[in-house]
């Protein structure tokens, strides 16, 4: 599943995100959701979240587990 719909995401879920600094290369970072930052129900580039690992912020590219 992609991370474009806020309703599919839950706190603690394992996801792959792309950090702002990695947008050009598309390098993903894996971690668990600490906070969901995007308020709208969906976003074409992925919902922005903060990970528990290092408080990294990026847009969800793929949901690993539900």
PDB file of N, CA and C in Angstrom:
ATOM      1  N   UNK A   1       0.834  -1.197   0.000  1.00  0.00           N
ATOM      2  CA  UNK A   1       0.000   0.000   0.000  1.00  0.00           C
ATOM      3  C   UNK A   1       0.871   1.250   0.000  1.00  0.00           C
ATOM      4  N   UNK A   2       0.416   2.242  -0.721  1.00  0.00           N
ATOM      5  CA  UNK A   2       1.129   3.518  -0.707  1.00  0.00           C
ATOM      6  C   UNK A   2       0.632   4.358   0.474  1.00  0.00           C
ATOM      7  N   UNK A   3       1.288   5.448   0.741  1.00  0.00           N
ATOM      8  CA  UNK A   3       0.960   6.266   1.911  1.00  0.00           C
ATOM      9  C   UNK A   3       0.251   7.547   1.559  1.00  0.00           C
ATOM     10  N   UNK A   4      -0.663   7.515   0.602  1.00  0.00           N
ATOM     11  CA  UNK A   4      -1.319   8.738   0.151  1.00  0.00           C
ATOM     12  C   UNK A   4      -2.627   9.033   0.864  1.00  0.00           C
ATOM     13  N   UNK A   5      -3.162   8.049   1.610  1.00  0.00           N
ATOM     14  CA  UNK A   5      -4.412   8.248   2.339  1.00  0.00           C
ATOM     15  C   UNK A   5      -4.156   8.194   3.841  1.00  0.00           C
ATOM     16  N   UNK A   6      -4.540   9.256   4.529  1.00  0.00           N
ATOM     17  CA  UNK A   6      -4.301   9.380   5.967  1.00  0.00           C
ATOM     18  C   UNK A   6      -5.017   8.280   6.755  1.00  0.00           C
ATOM     19  N   UNK A   7      -6.192   7.857   6.265  1.00  0.00           N
ATOM     20  CA  UNK A   7      -6.990   6.865   6.981  1.00  0.00           C
ATOM     21  C   UNK A   7      -6.303   5.504   7.075  1.00  0.00           C
ATOM     22  N   UNK A   8      -5.329   5.227   6.207  1.00  0.00           N
ATOM     23  CA  UNK A   8      -4.613   3.944   6.221  1.00  0.00           C
ATOM     24  C   UNK A   8      -3.482   3.918   7.239  1.00  0.00           C
ATOM     25  N   UNK A   9      -3.116   5.076   7.779  1.00  0.00           N
ATOM     26  CA  UNK A   9      -1.963   5.164   8.674  1.00  0.00           C
ATOM     27  C   UNK A   9      -2.388   5.169  10.134  1.00  0.00           C
ATOM     28  N   UNK A  10      -1.556   4.526  10.968  1.00  0.00           N
ATOM     29  CA  UNK A  10      -1.791   4.483  12.409  1.00  0.00           C
ATOM     30  C   UNK A  10      -0.463   4.701  13.132  1.00  0.00           C
ATOM     31  N   UNK A  11      -0.543   5.251  14.322  1.00  0.00           N
ATOM     32  CA  UNK A  11       0.651   5.430  15.153  1.00  0.00           C
ATOM     33  C   UNK A  11       1.256   4.055  15.442  1.00  0.00           C
ATOM     34  N   UNK A  12       2.584   3.950  15.330  1.00  0.00           N
ATOM     35  CA  UNK A  12       3.280   2.703  15.608  1.00  0.00           C
ATOM     36  C   UNK A  12       3.461   1.806  14.399  1.00  0.00           C
ATOM     37  N   UNK A  13       2.851   2.150  13.280  1.00  0.00           N
ATOM     38  CA  UNK A  13       2.933   1.353  12.063  1.00  0.00           C
ATOM     39  C   UNK A  13       4.315   1.467  11.424  1.00  0.00           C
ATOM     40  N   UNK A  14       4.785   0.375  10.826  1.00  0.00           N
ATOM     41  CA  UNK A  14       6.075   0.362  10.137  1.00  0.00           C
ATOM     42  C   UNK A  14       5.885   0.829   8.700  1.00  0.00           C
ATOM     43  N   UNK A  15       6.653   1.856   8.303  1.00  0.00           N
ATOM     44  CA  UNK A  15       6.508   2.451   6.973  1.00  0.00           C
ATOM     45  C   UNK A  15       7.871   2.796   6.387  1.00  0.00           C
ATOM     46  N   UNK A  16       7.902   2.982   5.077  1.00  0.00           N
ATOM     47  CA  UNK A  16       9.061   3.544   4.389  1.00  0.00           C
ATOM     48  C   UNK A  16       8.720   4.977   4.036  1.00  0.00           C
ATOM     49  N   UNK A  17       9.626   5.918   4.366  1.00  0.00           N
ATOM     50  CA  UNK A  17       9.415   7.326   4.041  1.00  0.00           C
ATOM     51  C   UNK A  17      10.598   7.837   3.225  1.00  0.00           C
ATOM     52  N   UNK A  18      10.381   8.960   2.549  1.00  0.00           N
ATOM     53  CA  UNK A  18      11.468   9.664   1.875  1.00  0.00           C
ATOM     54  C   UNK A  18      11.665  10.984   2.607  1.00  0.00           C
ATOM     55  N   UNK A  19      12.867  11.183   3.137  1.00  0.00           N
ATOM     56  CA  UNK A  19      13.211  12.421   3.825  1.00  0.00           C
ATOM     57  C   UNK A  19      13.370  13.539   2.802  1.00  0.00           C
ATOM     58  N   UNK A  20      13.206  14.785   3.242  1.00  0.00           N
ATOM     59  CA  UNK A  20      13.350  15.943   2.360  1.00  0.00           C
ATOM     60  C   UNK A  20      14.703  15.929   1.638  1.00  0.00           C
ATOM     61  N   UNK A  21      15.768  15.628   2.367  1.00  0.00           N
ATOM     62  CA  UNK A  21      17.113  15.630   1.783  1.00  0.00           C
ATOM     63  C   UNK A  21      17.309  14.519   0.760  1.00  0.00           C
ATOM     64  N   UNK A  22      16.445  13.488   0.795  1.00  0.00           N
ATOM     65  CA  UNK A  22      16.572  12.347  -0.117  1.00  0.00           C
ATOM     66  C   UNK A  22      15.562  12.362  -1.263  1.00  0.00           C
ATOM     67  N   UNK A  23      14.822  13.460  -1.418  1.00  0.00           N
ATOM     68  CA  UNK A  23      13.782  13.496  -2.446  1.00  0.00           C
ATOM     69  C   UNK A  23      14.345  13.342  -3.856  1.00  0.00           C
ATOM     70  N   UNK A  24      15.505  13.890  -4.122  1.00  0.00           N
ATOM     71  CA  UNK A  24      16.097  13.790  -5.467  1.00  0.00           C
ATOM     72  C   UNK A  24      16.500  12.349  -5.789  1.00  0.00           C
ATOM     73  N   UNK A  25      17.068  11.653  -4.821  1.00  0.00           N
ATOM     74  CA  UNK A  25      17.534  10.285  -5.063  1.00  0.00           C
ATOM     75  C   UNK A  25      16.427   9.252  -4.843  1.00  0.00           C
ATOM     76  N   UNK A  26      15.437   9.586  -4.028  1.00  0.00           N
ATOM     77  CA  UNK A  26      14.353   8.651  -3.736  1.00  0.00           C
ATOM     78  C   UNK A  26      14.720   7.603  -2.701  1.00  0.00           C
ATOM     79  N   UNK A  27      15.837   7.812  -2.000  1.00  0.00           N
ATOM     80  CA  UNK A  27      16.264   6.878  -0.958  1.00  0.00           C
ATOM     81  C   UNK A  27      15.242   6.853   0.171  1.00  0.00           C
ATOM     82  N   UNK A  28      14.816   5.648   0.551  1.00  0.00           N
ATOM     83  CA  UNK A  28      13.794   5.551   1.597  1.00  0.00           C
ATOM     84  C   UNK A  28      14.415   5.215   2.949  1.00  0.00           C
ATOM     85  N   UNK A  29      13.696   5.583   3.981  1.00  0.00           N
ATOM     86  CA  UNK A  29      14.087   5.328   5.360  1.00  0.00           C
ATOM     87  C   UNK A  29      12.941   4.573   6.024  1.00  0.00           C
ATOM     88  N   UNK A  30      13.246   3.484   6.724  1.00  0.00           N
ATOM     89  CA  UNK A  30      12.210   2.671   7.360  1.00  0.00           C
ATOM     90  C   UNK A  30      12.121   3.008   8.836  1.00  0.00           C
ATOM     91  N   UNK A  31      10.900   3.058   9.354  1.00  0.00           N
ATOM     92  CA  UNK A  31      10.697   3.315  10.775  1.00  0.00           C
ATOM     93  C   UNK A  31       9.231   3.247  11.148  1.00  0.00           C
ATOM     94  N   UNK A  32       8.980   3.467  12.438  1.00  0.00           N
ATOM     95  CA  UNK A  32       7.621   3.425  12.975  1.00  0.00           C
ATOM     96  C   UNK A  32       7.075   4.842  13.138  1.00  0.00           C
ATOM     97  N   UNK A  33       5.797   5.000  12.847  1.00  0.00           N
ATOM     98  CA  UNK A  33       5.162   6.315  12.913  1.00  0.00           C
ATOM     99  C   UNK A  33       5.012   6.760  14.364  1.00  0.00           C
ATOM    100  N   UNK A  34       5.524   7.956  14.649  1.00  0.00           N
ATOM    101  CA  UNK A  34       5.362   8.582  15.964  1.00  0.00           C
ATOM    102  C   UNK A  34       4.202   9.579  15.922  1.00  0.00           C
ATOM    103  N   UNK A  35       4.163  10.404  14.850  1.00  0.00           N
ATOM    104  CA  UNK A  35       3.109  11.408  14.671  1.00  0.00           C
ATOM    105  C   UNK A  35       2.754  11.510  13.200  1.00  0.00           C
ATOM    106  N   UNK A  36       1.483  11.750  12.922  1.00  0.00           N
ATOM    107  CA  UNK A  36       1.027  12.021  11.561  1.00  0.00           C
ATOM    108  C   UNK A  36       0.889  13.531  11.450  1.00  0.00           C
ATOM    109  N   UNK A  37       1.658  14.139  10.538  1.00  0.00           N
ATOM    110  CA  UNK A  37       1.747  15.598  10.469  1.00  0.00           C
ATOM    111  C   UNK A  37       0.789  16.219   9.452  1.00  0.00           C
ATOM    112  N   UNK A  38       0.436  15.499   8.388  1.00  0.00           N
ATOM    113  CA  UNK A  38      -0.470  16.032   7.369  1.00  0.00           C
ATOM    114  C   UNK A  38      -1.899  15.980   7.899  1.00  0.00           C
ATOM    115  N   UNK A  39      -2.614  17.098   7.807  1.00  0.00           N
ATOM    116  CA  UNK A  39      -3.986  17.173   8.314  1.00  0.00           C
ATOM    117  C   UNK A  39      -5.029  16.747   7.282  1.00  0.00           C
ATOM    118  N   UNK A  40      -4.728  16.927   5.979  1.00  0.00           N
ATOM    119  CA  UNK A  40      -5.710  16.596   4.945  1.00  0.00           C
ATOM    120  C   UNK A  40      -5.878  15.075   4.832  1.00  0.00           C
ATOM    121  N   UNK A  41      -7.025  14.603   4.346  1.00  0.00           N
ATOM    122  CA  UNK A  41      -7.275  13.156   4.262  1.00  0.00           C
ATOM    123  C   UNK A  41      -6.385  12.425   3.258  1.00  0.00           C
ATOM    124  N   UNK A  42      -5.866  13.141   2.248  1.00  0.00           N
ATOM    125  CA  UNK A  42      -4.940  12.511   1.307  1.00  0.00           C
ATOM    126  C   UNK A  42      -3.993  13.560   0.748  1.00  0.00           C
ATOM    127  N   UNK A  43      -2.881  13.067   0.188  1.00  0.00           N
ATOM    128  CA  UNK A  43      -1.872  13.953  -0.388  1.00  0.00           C
ATOM    129  C   UNK A  43      -1.205  13.214  -1.542  1.00  0.00           C
ATOM    130  N   UNK A  44      -1.052  13.843  -2.722  1.00  0.00           N
ATOM    131  CA  UNK A  44      -0.505  13.140  -3.891  1.00  0.00           C
ATOM    132  C   UNK A  44       0.951  12.678  -3.747  1.00  0.00           C
ATOM    133  N   UNK A  45       1.733  13.313  -2.886  1.00  0.00           N
ATOM    134  CA  UNK A  45       3.139  12.936  -2.707  1.00  0.00           C
ATOM    135  C   UNK A  45       3.351  12.049  -1.486  1.00  0.00           C
ATOM    136  N   UNK A  46       2.289  11.749  -0.748  1.00  0.00           N
ATOM    137  CA  UNK A  46       2.389  10.927   0.459  1.00  0.00           C
ATOM    138  C   UNK A  46       2.134  11.756   1.704  1.00  0.00           C
ATOM    139  N   UNK A  47       1.586  11.123   2.716  1.00  0.00           N
ATOM    140  CA  UNK A  47       1.283  11.784   3.987  1.00  0.00           C
ATOM    141  C   UNK A  47       2.583  12.004   4.750  1.00  0.00           C
ATOM    142  N   UNK A  48       2.758  13.205   5.298  1.00  0.00           N
ATOM    143  CA  UNK A  48       3.975  13.524   6.045  1.00  0.00           C
ATOM    144  C   UNK A  48       3.838  13.009   7.475  1.00  0.00           C
ATOM    145  N   UNK A  49       4.867  12.285   7.932  1.00  0.00           N
ATOM    146  CA  UNK A  49       4.873  11.705   9.275  1.00  0.00           C
ATOM    147  C   UNK A  49       6.225  11.939   9.945  1.00  0.00           C
ATOM    148  N   UNK A  50       6.239  11.767  11.261  1.00  0.00           N
ATOM    149  CA  UNK A  50       7.475  11.790  12.043  1.00  0.00           C
ATOM    150  C   UNK A  50       7.694  10.369  12.556  1.00  0.00           C
ATOM    151  N   UNK A  51       8.914   9.884  12.437  1.00  0.00           N
ATOM    152  CA  UNK A  51       9.255   8.543  12.907  1.00  0.00           C
ATOM    153  C   UNK A  51       9.760   8.575  14.337  1.00  0.00           C
ATOM    154  N   UNK A  52       9.591   7.452  15.047  1.00  0.00           N
ATOM    155  CA  UNK A  52      10.097   7.351  16.419  1.00  0.00           C
ATOM    156  C   UNK A  52      11.616   7.276  16.421  1.00  0.00           C
ATOM    157  N   UNK A  53      12.204   6.734  15.362  1.00  0.00           N
ATOM    158  CA  UNK A  53      13.654   6.597  15.251  1.00  0.00           C
ATOM    159  C   UNK A  53      14.273   7.927  14.839  1.00  0.00           C
ATOM    160  N   UNK A  54      14.789   8.660  15.785  1.00  0.00           N
ATOM    161  CA  UNK A  54      15.499   9.894  15.494  1.00  0.00           C
ATOM    162  C   UNK A  54      14.625  11.077  15.135  1.00  0.00           C
ATOM    163  N   UNK A  55      13.327  10.985  15.350  1.00  0.00           N
ATOM    164  CA  UNK A  55      12.388  12.071  15.025  1.00  0.00           C
ATOM    165  C   UNK A  55      12.563  12.566  13.591  1.00  0.00           C
ATOM    166  N   UNK A  56      12.769  11.645  12.655  1.00  0.00           N
ATOM    167  CA  UNK A  56      12.924  12.000  11.247  1.00  0.00           C
ATOM    168  C   UNK A  56      11.550  12.257  10.634  1.00  0.00           C
ATOM    169  N   UNK A  57      11.482  13.257   9.743  1.00  0.00           N
ATOM    170  CA  UNK A  57      10.223  13.641   9.108  1.00  0.00           C
ATOM    171  C   UNK A  57      10.331  13.425   7.607  1.00  0.00           C
ATOM    172  N   UNK A  58       9.296  12.811   7.049  1.00  0.00           N
ATOM    173  CA  UNK A  58       9.264  12.596   5.609  1.00  0.00           C
ATOM    174  C   UNK A  58       7.889  12.143   5.166  1.00  0.00           C
ATOM    175  N   UNK A  59       7.744  11.912   3.870  1.00  0.00           N
ATOM    176  CA  UNK A  59       6.474  11.485   3.296  1.00  0.00           C
ATOM    177  C   UNK A  59       6.453   9.977   3.092  1.00  0.00           C
ATOM    178  N   UNK A  60       5.340   9.347   3.480  1.00  0.00           N
ATOM    179  CA  UNK A  60       5.188   7.903   3.398  1.00  0.00           C
ATOM    180  C   UNK A  60       5.133   7.464   1.932  1.00  0.00           C
ATOM    181  N   UNK A  61       5.990   6.512   1.589  1.00  0.00           N
ATOM    182  CA  UNK A  61       6.001   5.937   0.249  1.00  0.00           C
ATOM    183  C   UNK A  61       5.334   4.566   0.240  1.00  0.00           C
ATOM    184  N   UNK A  62       5.505   3.819   1.336  1.00  0.00           N
ATOM    185  CA  UNK A  62       4.939   2.477   1.389  1.00  0.00           C
ATOM    186  C   UNK A  62       4.664   2.083   2.835  1.00  0.00           C
ATOM    187  N   UNK A  63       3.543   1.401   3.033  1.00  0.00           N
ATOM    188  CA  UNK A  63       3.187   0.859   4.346  1.00  0.00           C
ATOM    189  C   UNK A  63       3.675  -0.583   4.388  1.00  0.00           C
ATOM    190  N   UNK A  64       4.474  -0.920   5.402  1.00  0.00           N
ATOM    191  CA  UNK A  64       5.076  -2.251   5.504  1.00  0.00           C
ATOM    192  C   UNK A  64       4.147  -3.234   6.222  1.00  0.00           C
ATOM    193  N   UNK A  65       3.506  -2.788   7.293  1.00  0.00           N
ATOM    194  CA  UNK A  65       2.597  -3.645   8.034  1.00  0.00           C
ATOM    195  C   UNK A  65       1.379  -2.848   8.454  1.00  0.00           C
ATOM    196  N   UNK A  66       0.284  -3.558   8.674  1.00  0.00           N
ATOM    197  CA  UNK A  66      -0.962  -2.869   9.078  1.00  0.00           C
ATOM    198  C   UNK A  66      -1.277  -3.126  10.523  1.00  0.00           C
TER     199      UNK A  66
END
